[in-house]
Amino acid sequence: MENEQSKPFLSIEIDQAINAPVVIVNGQRIEKIVHLGVDWSTNHKHQTLKNVTISYYESVGILKTVTYENEIIIS
């Protein structure tokens, strides 16, 4: 059984520029994505994920937007 801490917070796979990316957040795949925004930066000592915004259709006609705004230090 895989350790929960070994799973990445965010995984993004893009196989072709015209296809929607495969996005997995905390082990859960997000389906029917219409927008993905990632703000990431580095100060040469730490890499910091500043903001992730994902908009997707939760069901027919119901658009949901989730934003992760906590700074996550990736060392």
C-alpha atoms as a PDB file:
ATOM      1  CA  MET A   1       0.000   0.000   0.000  1.00  0.00           C
ATOM      2  CA  GLU A   2       1.407   3.369  -1.048  1.00  0.00           C
ATOM      3  CA  ASN A   3       2.164   5.912   1.665  1.00  0.00           C
ATOM      4  CA  GLU A   4      -0.156   8.954   1.418  1.00  0.00           C
ATOM      5  CA  GLN A   5       2.787  11.329   1.930  1.00  0.00           C
ATOM      6  CA  SER A   6       4.588   9.905  -1.109  1.00  0.00           C
ATOM      7  CA  LYS A   7       1.768  10.992  -3.459  1.00  0.00           C
ATOM      8  CA  PRO A   8       2.236  14.392  -5.103  1.00  0.00           C
ATOM      9  CA  PHE A   9      -0.151  17.231  -4.228  1.00  0.00           C
ATOM     10  CA  LEU A  10      -0.584  18.122  -7.897  1.00  0.00           C
ATOM     11  CA  SER A  11       0.071  16.145 -11.063  1.00  0.00           C
ATOM     12  CA  ILE A  12      -0.476  17.608 -14.552  1.00  0.00           C
ATOM     13  CA  GLU A  13      -0.028  15.617 -17.761  1.00  0.00           C
ATOM     14  CA  ILE A  14      -0.372  17.200 -21.197  1.00  0.00           C
ATOM     15  CA  ASP A  15      -0.025  14.818 -24.117  1.00  0.00           C
ATOM     16  CA  GLN A  16      -0.927  17.305 -26.882  1.00  0.00           C
ATOM     17  CA  ALA A  17      -1.500  21.043 -26.764  1.00  0.00           C
ATOM     18  CA  ILE A  18      -5.056  20.675 -28.098  1.00  0.00           C
ATOM     19  CA  ASN A  19      -6.176  18.100 -25.487  1.00  0.00           C
ATOM     20  CA  ALA A  20      -7.358  18.895 -21.975  1.00  0.00           C
ATOM     21  CA  PRO A  21      -4.676  18.117 -19.398  1.00  0.00           C
ATOM     22  CA  VAL A  22      -5.000  15.228 -16.980  1.00  0.00           C
ATOM     23  CA  VAL A  23      -5.030  16.837 -13.529  1.00  0.00           C
ATOM     24  CA  ILE A  24      -4.791  14.936 -10.266  1.00  0.00           C
ATOM     25  CA  VAL A  25      -5.051  16.803  -6.947  1.00  0.00           C
ATOM     26  CA  ASN A  26      -4.327  14.905  -3.733  1.00  0.00           C
ATOM     27  CA  GLY A  27      -4.811  11.608  -5.566  1.00  0.00           C
ATOM     28  CA  GLN A  28      -8.182  12.570  -7.096  1.00  0.00           C
ATOM     29  CA  ARG A  29      -8.473  12.998 -10.878  1.00  0.00           C
ATOM     30  CA  ILE A  30     -10.400  16.116 -11.914  1.00  0.00           C
ATOM     31  CA  GLU A  31     -12.646  15.497 -14.930  1.00  0.00           C
ATOM     32  CA  LYS A  32     -14.201  17.907 -17.484  1.00  0.00           C
ATOM     33  CA  ILE A  33     -11.660  20.713 -16.923  1.00  0.00           C
ATOM     34  CA  VAL A  34     -12.307  24.015 -18.683  1.00  0.00           C
ATOM     35  CA  HIS A  35      -9.559  26.093 -16.994  1.00  0.00           C
ATOM     36  CA  LEU A  36      -6.306  25.342 -15.175  1.00  0.00           C
ATOM     37  CA  GLY A  37      -4.103  28.071 -13.730  1.00  0.00           C
ATOM     38  CA  VAL A  38      -0.830  27.523 -11.871  1.00  0.00           C
ATOM     39  CA  ASP A  39       1.318  30.261 -10.306  1.00  0.00           C
ATOM     40  CA  TRP A  40       4.744  28.929  -9.337  1.00  0.00           C
ATOM     41  CA  SER A  41       7.992  30.746  -8.507  1.00  0.00           C
ATOM     42  CA  THR A  42      11.434  30.235  -7.018  1.00  0.00           C
ATOM     43  CA  ASN A  43      13.833  32.404  -5.036  1.00  0.00           C
ATOM     44  CA  HIS A  44      16.823  30.081  -5.658  1.00  0.00           C
ATOM     45  CA  LYS A  45      16.465  28.550  -2.179  1.00  0.00           C
ATOM     46  CA  HIS A  46      12.895  27.267  -2.249  1.00  0.00           C
ATOM     47  CA  GLN A  47      10.368  26.518  -4.944  1.00  0.00           C
ATOM     48  CA  THR A  48       6.960  27.866  -3.962  1.00  0.00           C
ATOM     49  CA  LEU A  49       3.577  26.964  -5.411  1.00  0.00           C
ATOM     50  CA  LYS A  50       1.604  30.167  -4.896  1.00  0.00           C
ATOM     51  CA  ASN A  51      -1.778  29.415  -6.425  1.00  0.00           C
ATOM     52  CA  VAL A  52      -3.644  26.705  -8.338  1.00  0.00           C
ATOM     53  CA  THR A  53      -7.091  27.373  -9.841  1.00  0.00           C
ATOM     54  CA  ILE A  54      -9.143  24.661 -11.530  1.00  0.00           C
ATOM     55  CA  SER A  55     -12.539  25.179 -13.162  1.00  0.00           C
ATOM     56  CA  TYR A  56     -14.481  22.100 -14.211  1.00  0.00           C
ATOM     57  CA  TYR A  57     -18.003  20.863 -14.803  1.00  0.00           C
ATOM     58  CA  GLU A  58     -19.135  19.087 -11.648  1.00  0.00           C
ATOM     59  CA  SER A  59     -22.270  17.943 -13.507  1.00  0.00           C
ATOM     60  CA  VAL A  60     -24.218  19.059 -16.585  1.00  0.00           C
ATOM     61  CA  GLY A  61     -24.490  22.851 -16.447  1.00  0.00           C
ATOM     62  CA  ILE A  62     -22.781  23.138 -13.024  1.00  0.00           C
ATOM     63  CA  LEU A  63     -19.359  24.813 -13.318  1.00  0.00           C
ATOM     64  CA  LYS A  64     -17.213  24.620 -10.195  1.00  0.00           C
ATOM     65  CA  THR A  65     -13.998  26.534  -9.490  1.00  0.00           C
ATOM     66  CA  VAL A  66     -11.518  25.405  -6.830  1.00  0.00           C
ATOM     67  CA  THR A  67      -8.557  27.553  -5.779  1.00  0.00           C
ATOM     68  CA  TYR A  68      -5.636  26.427  -3.630  1.00  0.00           C
ATOM     69  CA  GLU A  69      -4.044  29.642  -2.351  1.00  0.00           C
ATOM     70  CA  ASN A  70      -1.759  28.367   0.376  1.00  0.00           C
ATOM     71  CA  GLU A  71       1.927  28.730  -0.316  1.00  0.00           C
ATOM     72  CA  ILE A  72       3.377  25.255  -0.545  1.00  0.00           C
ATOM     73  CA  ILE A  73       7.140  24.967  -0.144  1.00  0.00           C
ATOM     74  CA  ILE A  74       8.668  22.285  -2.351  1.00  0.00           C
ATOM     75  CA  SER A  75      12.224  21.557  -1.242  1.00  0.00           C
END
